[in-house]
Amino acid sequence: MTSTAAPMTIDITIVSWVIGAIVMYYGLLFLASLVRPRQPRSRSAAPPLMVLLIPARNEELVLEGTLSAMSRLRYSGDYRVLVVDDASEDATGEIAARWAATDARIRLSRRVLPEAAQGKSEVLNHCYRLLERWIAEGDPWMGGRRRDEVVLVIVDADGRLEKDALEKVAPFFDDARVGSVQIGVRIANARDNLLARMQDIEFVGFSCLVQIARDWIGSSGLGGNGQFTRLAALASIDRGAAGGDGPWSRGALTEDLDLGLWLVRAGWRTRFCYATFVAQQGLTEWKPLIRQRTRWIQGHYQCWRHIGGLAAAGRVRLATRFDLILYLVLVVTVLLVSATMGVALLGAVGVVDVVNDFLVFVPYGIPRRLASVALSLLPVVVFMGTYQVNSRHPFRWWEVPAAGVAFTAYSYAWLWVSLKAIVNIARGRNTWVKTPRVAAAPPQREVAVPARR
C-alpha cells in the first residue's frame, strides 16, 4: 500500500496584505500628484549664478551637442559651464577645450590617473572643491558671487536642458530653506526602439506621479541628471573637515539619492520642478541596461544606512521622514510580488497548497476575483495614464493595452537586477560602471559669443 504525502501548505495572506498596502500607497501618491504645487515666481532682483557641471569620461559621442545646447540657454541671470574630463581616452577633452576657447562661460578641468576614473562622486567632489577655491580666491569667472548665491547644476554629458530650464528653476531658491531642486527627466530617443520607450514611460511616470506627490510631502528625490543644488547646502554637509571627501560619499553607487538624503537630514528642503525637464539618452540594448539598473539597485540598498538617521532627524517633518524611509524600503516590492506569483504558480500545478485570505471581506466568487484583478491592474493603469497625459510621444489609444503589457513585462527586469545587486553586496563588489552612449545627431555649430564679465 502506498501513501502520497500531502503537499506543503504556504500561507501568503500577510504578504498579500503588504502588497495591497503598497498598491494603495502609490494610489494615494497618484491622487496627490493630480493637484500640482504652484510653481514659484521670482522675487529676487539678482538670480543665483548657475554653474552647470558636466562630468565627462569618454563622452565624445554626445558632448559636442550638449555644449552646443548649453551655449543657447535663456536665463536672466548668469550661468557658467564646467566640464570635468575624468581621464578620458577619446576626444572628450579636445571637444571641451575648443568650446572653452571660444566661450568665456565654459571652463575645462582635467583629472588624471590615478586620482581619476574613481566614480561620479569623486568628480562631483572635485568640482565642489574647485568652486569653493575660486570663490575664496575671488576668481572673476565666479562673478564675485558668494557661496549662498551659487547653484550647482549637474547635467550628464548626454543631457539636453530645455532652453528656459534655468529660468524656471531659479525662483525656487528664493526660499532660503530650499537646498536642492530636481527637474523631470525624459528619454530623448524614446522612439528608437521598444526598450527606449519603456524607459521613457518609467522616467515620465516617476517624474509626474511620484515626484510631484512627494513635492507636497517634502521628500522629492534627486536624480543624477537635471539636479540643482545650492552651494551653501553642499557646504553644510561637507564631510571633508571630518576626514571625508566632500558632500558626496565616496563609493556611493547612487550618489544622487545619497546626497538628497544627507540634505534632508541636515534640515534642507528638496523640491521638484515639473515645469521643465532634461532629456537624456535611453539605452537601446538589454545588457548595458541590466548593468546600469544593477548599480542603481545596489546603490539604493547602500542608502539603507540613512534609515536610522532619518528616523532620528527630529527637525524634519514626520511625513517627510516616513515617506523617505518607505521609499528606501519599498525597493523590495518586486521581490515580494515575484515570490507571491511563484508560490501561486506552484499552487496552480498542485505542488503546494496555497492559503490566501486576502480580500476575505469581499464576497467569494466573481466579486473577489474582480477586486483582485482591479488591484493587480491599478499600478500599470495609473502609470500608463500618467504617461499618456504628460509624454511628448503618447501612444495611440489602441496601442495603450499592448504598451501596458510590455511595460509590465519590462518591470520584472527589476527582479533580475535586484538579485544581481544582492549577490554583489554579498560578494563585496562595489564597482561604479559608466553608462555607454550612442552617437547623437551632429549639431549645427554656432559661434559662441563670450559673455561679459
Protein backbone atom coordinates (compact mmCIF):
# COMPACT_ATOMS: atom_id res chain seq x y z
CA MET A 1 0.00 0.00 0.00
CA THR A 2 1.42 3.37 -0.95
CA SER A 3 0.60 6.74 0.53
CA THR A 4 1.02 10.10 -1.04
CA ALA A 5 2.23 12.85 1.27
CA ALA A 6 0.03 15.90 1.36
CA PRO A 7 1.57 18.92 -0.35
CA MET A 8 3.10 21.58 1.83
CA THR A 9 0.80 24.43 2.79
CA ILE A 10 2.03 28.00 2.30
CA ASP A 11 0.04 30.93 3.69
CA ILE A 12 0.67 34.13 1.71
CA THR A 13 -2.04 36.22 3.35
CA ILE A 14 0.33 38.58 5.15
CA VAL A 15 2.46 39.12 2.05
CA SER A 16 -0.67 39.84 0.00
CA TRP A 17 -1.81 42.42 2.55
CA VAL A 18 1.61 44.08 2.40
CA ILE A 19 1.48 44.23 -1.40
CA GLY A 20 -2.07 45.57 -1.26
CA ALA A 21 -0.98 48.29 1.15
CA ILE A 22 1.88 49.25 -1.19
CA VAL A 23 -0.54 49.49 -4.13
CA MET A 24 -2.88 51.71 -2.13
CA TYR A 25 0.05 53.87 -1.00
CA TYR A 26 1.02 54.54 -4.60
CA GLY A 27 -2.64 55.14 -5.37
CA LEU A 28 -2.60 57.91 -2.75
CA LEU A 29 0.54 59.35 -4.32
CA PHE A 30 -1.25 59.36 -7.66
CA LEU A 31 -4.17 61.30 -6.19
CA ALA A 32 -1.76 63.78 -4.60
CA SER A 33 0.04 64.23 -7.93
CA LEU A 34 -3.19 65.40 -9.57
CA VAL A 35 -3.02 68.59 -7.51
CA ARG A 36 0.18 70.24 -8.67
CA PRO A 37 2.01 72.64 -6.36
CA ARG A 38 2.13 76.21 -7.62
CA GLN A 39 5.44 76.96 -9.29
CA PRO A 40 7.15 79.92 -7.57
CA ARG A 41 7.74 83.20 -9.35
CA SER A 42 10.99 85.04 -8.90
CA ARG A 43 11.02 87.85 -6.36
CA SER A 44 14.77 88.34 -6.49
CA ALA A 45 16.47 91.11 -8.41
CA ALA A 46 19.66 89.02 -8.51
CA PRO A 47 19.02 85.43 -9.67
CA PRO A 48 21.63 82.91 -8.49
CA LEU A 49 24.69 82.15 -10.55
CA MET A 50 24.09 78.74 -12.12
CA VAL A 51 27.19 76.60 -12.63
CA LEU A 52 26.39 73.71 -14.95
CA LEU A 53 28.67 70.76 -14.25
CA ILE A 54 29.20 68.08 -16.89
CA PRO A 55 31.07 65.02 -15.56
CA ALA A 56 32.67 63.64 -18.71
CA ARG A 57 34.54 60.39 -19.19
CA ASN A 58 34.78 59.20 -22.80
CA GLU A 59 31.84 61.33 -23.96
CA GLU A 60 32.97 62.32 -27.46
CA LEU A 61 29.77 60.90 -28.99
CA VAL A 62 27.48 63.33 -27.18
CA LEU A 63 29.48 66.20 -25.67
CA GLU A 64 29.52 68.44 -28.74
CA GLY A 65 25.74 68.52 -28.91
CA THR A 66 25.39 69.08 -25.17
CA LEU A 67 27.73 72.08 -25.14
CA SER A 68 26.05 73.50 -28.21
CA ALA A 69 22.67 73.31 -26.46
CA MET A 70 24.07 74.81 -23.25
CA SER A 71 25.52 77.77 -25.08
CA ARG A 72 21.98 78.75 -26.14
CA LEU A 73 20.17 78.60 -22.81
CA ARG A 74 17.96 81.57 -21.90
CA TYR A 75 18.47 82.92 -18.38
CA SER A 76 18.00 86.38 -16.91
CA GLY A 77 20.89 85.72 -14.52
CA ASP A 78 24.41 84.49 -15.23
CA TYR A 79 25.44 80.91 -15.83
CA ARG A 80 28.68 79.04 -16.34
CA VAL A 81 29.56 75.59 -17.70
CA LEU A 82 32.28 73.46 -16.12
CA VAL A 83 33.31 70.30 -17.96
CA VAL A 84 35.34 67.84 -15.90
CA ASP A 85 37.29 65.49 -18.16
CA ASP A 86 37.77 62.43 -15.98
CA ALA A 87 40.85 60.91 -17.69
CA SER A 88 39.00 60.30 -20.96
CA GLU A 89 40.64 58.10 -23.56
CA ASP A 90 38.86 59.71 -26.50
CA ALA A 91 38.39 63.26 -27.82
CA THR A 92 36.28 64.45 -24.86
CA GLY A 93 38.95 66.83 -23.58
CA GLU A 94 39.67 68.27 -27.01
CA ILE A 95 35.98 68.98 -27.67
CA ALA A 96 35.59 70.74 -24.31
CA ALA A 97 38.83 72.70 -24.86
CA ARG A 98 37.58 74.04 -28.21
CA TRP A 99 34.40 75.32 -26.62
CA ALA A 100 36.27 76.81 -23.66
CA ALA A 101 38.50 78.70 -26.09
CA THR A 102 35.53 80.41 -27.77
CA ASP A 103 33.05 80.91 -24.92
CA ALA A 104 34.18 82.62 -21.72
CA ARG A 105 31.36 80.95 -19.80
CA ILE A 106 32.81 77.49 -20.37
CA ARG A 107 35.76 76.03 -18.49
CA LEU A 108 37.50 72.68 -18.65
CA SER A 109 39.09 70.88 -15.72
CA ARG A 110 41.13 67.74 -16.40
CA ARG A 111 41.54 64.89 -13.93
CA VAL A 112 44.35 62.41 -14.45
CA LEU A 113 45.12 58.93 -13.22
CA PRO A 114 45.41 57.53 -10.62
CA GLU A 115 43.05 60.00 -8.92
CA ALA A 116 40.64 59.98 -11.89
CA ALA A 117 38.19 57.28 -13.02
CA GLN A 118 37.09 56.51 -9.46
CA GLY A 119 33.38 57.14 -9.97
CA LYS A 120 30.98 60.05 -10.29
CA SER A 121 31.13 61.04 -6.61
CA GLU A 122 34.83 61.83 -6.93
CA VAL A 123 34.22 64.03 -9.97
CA LEU A 124 31.48 65.95 -8.16
CA ASN A 125 33.61 66.49 -5.07
CA HIS A 126 36.44 67.71 -7.31
CA CYS A 127 34.10 70.28 -8.85
CA TYR A 128 32.81 71.36 -5.44
CA ARG A 129 36.37 71.97 -4.21
CA LEU A 130 37.17 73.97 -7.35
CA LEU A 131 34.17 76.25 -6.87
CA GLU A 132 34.94 76.78 -3.20
CA ARG A 133 38.53 77.69 -4.07
CA TRP A 134 37.56 80.04 -6.89
CA ILE A 135 35.08 81.85 -4.64
CA ALA A 136 37.69 82.19 -1.89
CA GLU A 137 40.28 83.50 -4.35
CA GLY A 138 37.86 85.94 -5.99
CA ASP A 139 38.17 84.31 -9.41
CA PRO A 140 36.41 86.63 -11.94
CA TRP A 141 34.75 83.57 -13.55
CA MET A 142 32.52 83.32 -10.47
CA GLY A 143 31.30 86.88 -10.96
CA GLY A 144 32.06 87.96 -7.39
CA ARG A 145 29.32 85.66 -6.04
CA ARG A 146 29.24 84.30 -2.53
CA ARG A 147 28.62 80.67 -1.73
CA ASP A 148 24.94 81.27 -0.96
CA GLU A 149 24.46 82.92 -4.37
CA VAL A 150 25.65 79.93 -6.40
CA VAL A 151 23.67 76.90 -7.54
CA LEU A 152 25.44 73.83 -8.90
CA VAL A 153 23.56 72.13 -11.74
CA ILE A 154 24.54 68.56 -12.58
CA VAL A 155 23.86 67.59 -16.18
CA ASP A 156 25.05 64.34 -17.70
CA ALA A 157 27.08 64.60 -20.89
CA ASP A 158 24.07 63.40 -22.90
CA GLY A 159 21.67 65.79 -21.15
CA ARG A 160 19.64 68.42 -23.01
CA LEU A 161 18.06 71.05 -20.79
CA GLU A 162 15.08 72.97 -22.08
CA LYS A 163 16.18 76.44 -23.10
CA ASP A 164 14.37 78.14 -20.21
CA ALA A 165 15.09 75.45 -17.59
CA LEU A 166 17.35 77.72 -15.52
CA GLU A 167 14.73 80.49 -15.58
CA LYS A 168 12.03 78.13 -14.30
CA VAL A 169 14.14 76.63 -11.51
CA ALA A 170 15.79 79.81 -10.19
CA PRO A 171 12.70 81.09 -8.27
CA PHE A 172 12.71 78.01 -6.05
CA PHE A 173 15.94 79.26 -4.50
CA ASP A 174 14.30 82.49 -3.33
CA ASP A 175 13.25 80.30 -0.40
CA ALA A 176 16.33 80.12 1.81
CA ARG A 177 15.19 76.73 3.14
CA VAL A 178 15.43 75.07 -0.28
CA GLY A 179 18.68 73.17 -0.68
CA SER A 180 18.02 71.40 -3.96
CA VAL A 181 15.58 71.14 -6.85
CA GLN A 182 15.15 68.23 -9.25
CA ILE A 183 13.54 68.59 -12.67
CA GLY A 184 11.79 65.96 -14.74
CA VAL A 185 13.65 63.53 -16.99
CA ARG A 186 12.58 62.35 -20.41
CA ILE A 187 14.18 59.94 -22.88
CA ALA A 188 15.31 61.81 -26.00
CA ASN A 189 15.46 58.69 -28.19
CA ALA A 190 12.20 57.17 -26.92
CA ARG A 191 11.15 56.29 -30.46
CA ASP A 192 14.34 54.41 -31.33
CA ASN A 193 13.03 51.05 -30.11
CA LEU A 194 10.67 49.46 -27.59
CA LEU A 195 13.29 49.30 -24.83
CA ALA A 196 13.95 53.05 -25.03
CA ARG A 197 10.19 53.71 -24.96
CA MET A 198 9.82 51.59 -21.81
CA GLN A 199 12.44 53.79 -20.12
CA ASP A 200 10.53 56.89 -21.20
CA ILE A 201 7.37 55.51 -19.55
CA GLU A 202 9.42 54.79 -16.44
CA PHE A 203 11.02 58.25 -16.17
CA VAL A 204 7.97 60.31 -17.15
CA GLY A 205 5.75 58.24 -14.89
CA PHE A 206 8.10 58.60 -11.93
CA SER A 207 8.58 62.33 -12.52
CA CYS A 208 4.93 63.22 -12.98
CA LEU A 209 3.44 60.81 -10.46
CA VAL A 210 5.82 60.09 -7.60
CA GLN A 211 7.93 63.24 -7.66
CA ILE A 212 5.03 65.69 -7.84
CA ALA A 213 3.28 63.93 -4.95
CA ARG A 214 6.45 63.92 -2.89
CA ASP A 215 6.96 67.61 -3.50
CA TRP A 216 3.91 68.12 -1.28
CA ILE A 217 5.43 65.87 1.36
CA GLY A 218 8.90 67.44 1.14
CA SER A 219 10.61 64.22 0.10
CA SER A 220 11.27 64.70 -3.62
CA GLY A 221 14.33 62.73 -4.62
CA LEU A 222 17.37 63.89 -6.55
CA GLY A 223 18.44 62.34 -9.83
CA GLY A 224 21.85 62.21 -11.41
CA ASN A 225 20.71 64.42 -14.29
CA GLY A 226 18.95 67.79 -14.01
CA GLN A 227 19.86 68.24 -10.35
CA PHE A 228 20.13 71.81 -8.95
CA THR A 229 21.80 72.20 -5.53
CA ARG A 230 22.65 75.32 -3.57
CA LEU A 231 26.41 75.53 -2.95
CA ALA A 232 25.77 76.62 0.66
CA ALA A 233 23.70 73.45 1.18
CA LEU A 234 26.57 71.33 -0.12
CA ALA A 235 28.94 73.14 2.25
CA SER A 236 26.66 72.32 5.20
CA ILE A 237 27.10 68.58 4.62
CA ASP A 238 30.74 68.74 3.52
CA ARG A 239 32.41 65.98 5.49
CA GLY A 240 35.89 66.87 4.26
CA ALA A 241 36.78 68.57 7.53
CA ALA A 242 35.84 65.36 9.35
CA GLY A 243 38.10 63.18 7.27
CA GLY A 244 35.62 62.62 4.45
CA ASP A 245 35.82 63.59 0.82
CA GLY A 246 33.21 66.30 0.49
CA PRO A 247 29.43 66.45 0.15
CA TRP A 248 29.25 63.30 -1.98
CA SER A 249 30.04 59.98 -0.32
CA ARG A 250 32.99 58.07 -1.72
CA GLY A 251 31.90 54.82 -3.33
CA ALA A 252 28.21 55.77 -3.49
CA LEU A 253 26.69 53.96 -6.49
CA THR A 254 23.65 56.25 -6.42
CA GLU A 255 25.32 59.46 -5.34
CA ASP A 256 22.18 61.45 -6.20
CA LEU A 257 19.88 59.56 -3.83
CA ASP A 258 22.57 59.58 -1.13
CA LEU A 259 23.08 63.36 -1.44
CA GLY A 260 19.36 64.08 -1.21
CA LEU A 261 19.08 62.07 1.98
CA TRP A 262 22.03 63.89 3.55
CA LEU A 263 20.44 67.24 2.66
CA VAL A 264 17.09 66.31 4.22
CA ARG A 265 18.80 65.06 7.35
CA ALA A 266 20.63 68.39 7.56
CA GLY A 267 17.30 70.24 7.53
CA TRP A 268 17.20 71.38 3.89
CA ARG A 269 14.09 71.19 1.74
CA THR A 270 14.22 69.28 -1.54
CA ARG A 271 11.79 70.37 -4.26
CA PHE A 272 10.62 69.14 -7.65
CA CYS A 273 10.02 71.43 -10.64
CA TYR A 274 7.58 69.79 -13.06
CA ALA A 275 7.50 72.83 -15.39
CA THR A 276 10.69 71.84 -17.19
CA PHE A 277 12.81 68.78 -17.87
CA VAL A 278 16.11 67.42 -19.11
CA ALA A 279 16.23 64.93 -21.97
CA GLN A 280 18.79 62.13 -21.92
CA GLN A 281 19.62 59.09 -23.99
CA GLY A 282 17.87 55.85 -23.23
CA LEU A 283 19.68 52.55 -23.55
CA THR A 284 18.62 50.53 -26.57
CA GLU A 285 20.16 47.19 -25.58
CA TRP A 286 19.42 44.96 -22.59
CA LYS A 287 22.98 44.20 -21.46
CA PRO A 288 24.02 47.78 -20.59
CA LEU A 289 20.55 48.44 -19.15
CA ILE A 290 20.84 45.48 -16.77
CA ARG A 291 24.32 46.65 -15.73
CA GLN A 292 23.05 50.21 -15.12
CA ARG A 293 19.99 49.13 -13.13
CA THR A 294 22.01 46.69 -11.05
CA ARG A 295 24.19 49.61 -9.98
CA TRP A 296 21.10 51.66 -9.17
CA ILE A 297 19.53 48.94 -7.04
CA GLN A 298 22.79 48.21 -5.23
CA GLY A 299 23.22 51.93 -4.55
CA HIS A 300 19.65 52.04 -3.25
CA TYR A 301 20.46 49.28 -0.77
CA GLN A 302 23.58 51.22 0.24
CA CYS A 303 21.31 54.10 1.24
CA TRP A 304 19.57 51.95 3.84
CA ARG A 305 22.30 53.26 6.12
CA HIS A 306 20.28 56.51 6.24
CA ILE A 307 17.18 54.90 7.76
CA GLY A 308 18.32 55.32 11.37
CA GLY A 309 19.46 58.90 10.76
CA LEU A 310 16.16 59.82 9.12
CA ALA A 311 14.15 58.28 11.95
CA ALA A 312 16.15 60.33 14.47
CA ALA A 313 16.05 63.62 12.49
CA GLY A 314 13.61 65.36 14.81
CA ARG A 315 13.69 68.71 13.00
CA VAL A 316 12.44 67.09 9.79
CA ARG A 317 8.68 66.70 9.33
CA LEU A 318 7.38 63.27 10.32
CA ALA A 319 5.61 62.83 6.96
CA THR A 320 8.86 63.57 5.12
CA ARG A 321 10.84 61.07 7.18
CA PHE A 322 8.13 58.42 6.91
CA ASP A 323 7.88 58.72 3.13
CA LEU A 324 11.65 58.64 2.60
CA ILE A 325 12.03 55.55 4.78
CA LEU A 326 9.19 53.89 2.87
CA TYR A 327 10.85 54.80 -0.42
CA LEU A 328 14.09 53.20 0.72
CA VAL A 329 12.43 50.03 1.96
CA LEU A 330 9.95 49.52 -0.87
CA VAL A 331 12.74 48.57 -3.25
CA VAL A 332 11.96 45.01 -2.10
CA THR A 333 8.45 45.19 -3.59
CA VAL A 334 9.49 43.43 -6.79
CA LEU A 335 10.89 40.57 -4.70
CA LEU A 336 7.65 40.24 -2.74
CA VAL A 337 5.47 40.32 -5.86
CA SER A 338 7.66 37.81 -7.69
CA ALA A 339 7.73 35.45 -4.71
CA THR A 340 3.94 35.62 -4.39
CA MET A 341 3.48 34.91 -8.10
CA GLY A 342 5.90 31.99 -7.87
CA VAL A 343 4.02 30.44 -4.95
CA ALA A 344 0.68 30.98 -6.72
CA LEU A 345 2.04 29.21 -9.80
CA LEU A 346 3.22 26.25 -7.71
CA GLY A 347 -0.22 26.13 -6.16
CA ALA A 348 -1.89 26.14 -9.58
CA VAL A 349 0.02 23.00 -10.63
CA GLY A 350 -0.59 21.24 -7.31
CA VAL A 351 2.95 21.31 -5.91
CA VAL A 352 1.84 23.21 -2.80
CA ASP A 353 -1.39 24.20 -1.14
CA VAL A 354 -1.73 27.96 -1.08
CA VAL A 355 -3.70 29.76 1.59
CA ASN A 356 -4.55 33.38 0.89
CA ASP A 357 -7.22 35.08 2.98
CA PHE A 358 -6.51 38.47 1.47
CA LEU A 359 -9.75 40.20 0.44
CA VAL A 360 -11.69 37.71 2.59
CA PHE A 361 -14.07 40.56 3.40
CA VAL A 362 -15.12 40.66 -0.28
CA PRO A 363 -17.84 38.12 -1.21
CA TYR A 364 -16.38 34.93 -2.65
CA GLY A 365 -16.58 34.31 -6.38
CA ILE A 366 -16.81 36.95 -9.09
CA PRO A 367 -16.70 39.99 -6.73
CA ARG A 368 -13.46 38.80 -5.13
CA ARG A 369 -11.90 37.98 -8.49
CA LEU A 370 -12.82 41.39 -9.81
CA ALA A 371 -11.33 43.08 -6.72
CA SER A 372 -8.11 41.07 -7.14
CA VAL A 373 -7.85 41.94 -10.84
CA ALA A 374 -8.51 45.63 -10.09
CA LEU A 375 -5.70 45.78 -7.53
CA SER A 376 -3.37 43.95 -9.91
CA LEU A 377 -4.08 46.32 -12.79
CA LEU A 378 -4.16 49.57 -10.79
CA PRO A 379 -0.38 50.25 -10.84
CA VAL A 380 0.04 49.83 -14.60
CA VAL A 381 -3.20 51.72 -15.36
CA VAL A 382 -2.04 54.66 -13.22
CA PHE A 383 1.44 54.65 -14.75
CA MET A 384 0.19 54.42 -18.33
CA GLY A 385 -2.42 57.10 -17.71
CA THR A 386 0.22 59.41 -16.28
CA TYR A 387 2.47 58.78 -19.28
CA GLN A 388 -0.30 59.44 -21.79
CA VAL A 389 -1.10 62.79 -20.22
CA ASN A 390 2.49 64.01 -19.79
CA SER A 391 4.50 62.38 -22.58
CA ARG A 392 5.79 64.15 -25.67
CA HIS A 393 5.18 60.84 -27.50
CA PRO A 394 1.89 59.38 -26.21
CA PHE A 395 0.65 56.11 -27.64
CA ARG A 396 -2.39 55.99 -29.87
CA TRP A 397 -5.35 54.84 -27.81
CA TRP A 398 -5.47 51.36 -29.34
CA GLU A 399 -1.77 50.84 -28.58
CA VAL A 400 -2.13 51.51 -24.85
CA PRO A 401 -3.18 47.98 -23.73
CA ALA A 402 -0.25 46.34 -25.54
CA ALA A 403 2.11 49.02 -24.21
CA GLY A 404 0.83 48.35 -20.69
CA VAL A 405 1.53 44.63 -21.06
CA ALA A 406 5.02 45.37 -22.43
CA PHE A 407 5.76 47.77 -19.57
CA THR A 408 4.59 45.21 -17.00
CA ALA A 409 6.95 42.62 -18.51
CA TYR A 410 9.75 45.20 -18.63
CA SER A 411 9.23 45.97 -14.93
CA TYR A 412 10.16 42.41 -13.99
CA ALA A 413 13.71 43.12 -15.14
CA TRP A 414 13.97 44.71 -11.68
CA LEU A 415 13.70 41.19 -10.20
CA TRP A 416 16.82 40.06 -12.02
CA VAL A 417 18.81 43.20 -11.25
CA SER A 418 17.70 43.07 -7.60
CA LEU A 419 19.06 39.54 -7.28
CA LYS A 420 22.29 40.56 -9.01
CA ALA A 421 22.64 43.53 -6.67
CA ILE A 422 22.14 41.34 -3.60
CA VAL A 423 24.80 38.94 -4.89
CA ASN A 424 27.19 41.87 -5.48
CA ILE A 425 26.64 43.08 -1.91
CA ALA A 426 27.23 39.59 -0.53
CA ARG A 427 30.46 39.30 -2.53
CA GLY A 428 31.65 42.78 -1.60
CA ARG A 429 31.60 44.07 -5.18
CA ASN A 430 31.09 47.81 -5.35
CA THR A 431 32.14 48.93 -8.82
CA TRP A 432 30.83 52.08 -10.49
CA VAL A 433 30.36 51.27 -14.19
CA LYS A 434 29.81 54.10 -16.67
CA THR A 435 26.69 54.02 -18.84
CA PRO A 436 27.62 53.73 -22.55
CA ARG A 437 26.46 56.31 -25.11
CA VAL A 438 25.39 56.15 -28.70
CA ALA A 439 26.25 58.76 -31.31
CA ALA A 440 23.99 61.80 -31.18
CA ALA A 441 22.89 63.68 -34.27
CA PRO A 442 25.63 66.19 -35.11
CA PRO A 443 24.56 69.70 -34.10
CA GLN A 444 24.99 72.76 -36.22
CA ARG A 445 27.84 74.55 -34.51
CA GLU A 446 27.14 78.14 -33.63
CA VAL A 447 29.85 80.61 -32.86
CA ALA A 448 29.51 81.31 -29.16
CA VAL A 449 29.76 84.91 -28.08
CA PRO A 450 31.83 85.32 -24.89
CA ALA A 451 29.69 86.52 -22.04
CA ARG A 452 30.51 89.85 -20.44
CA ARG A 453 32.01 89.59 -17.02
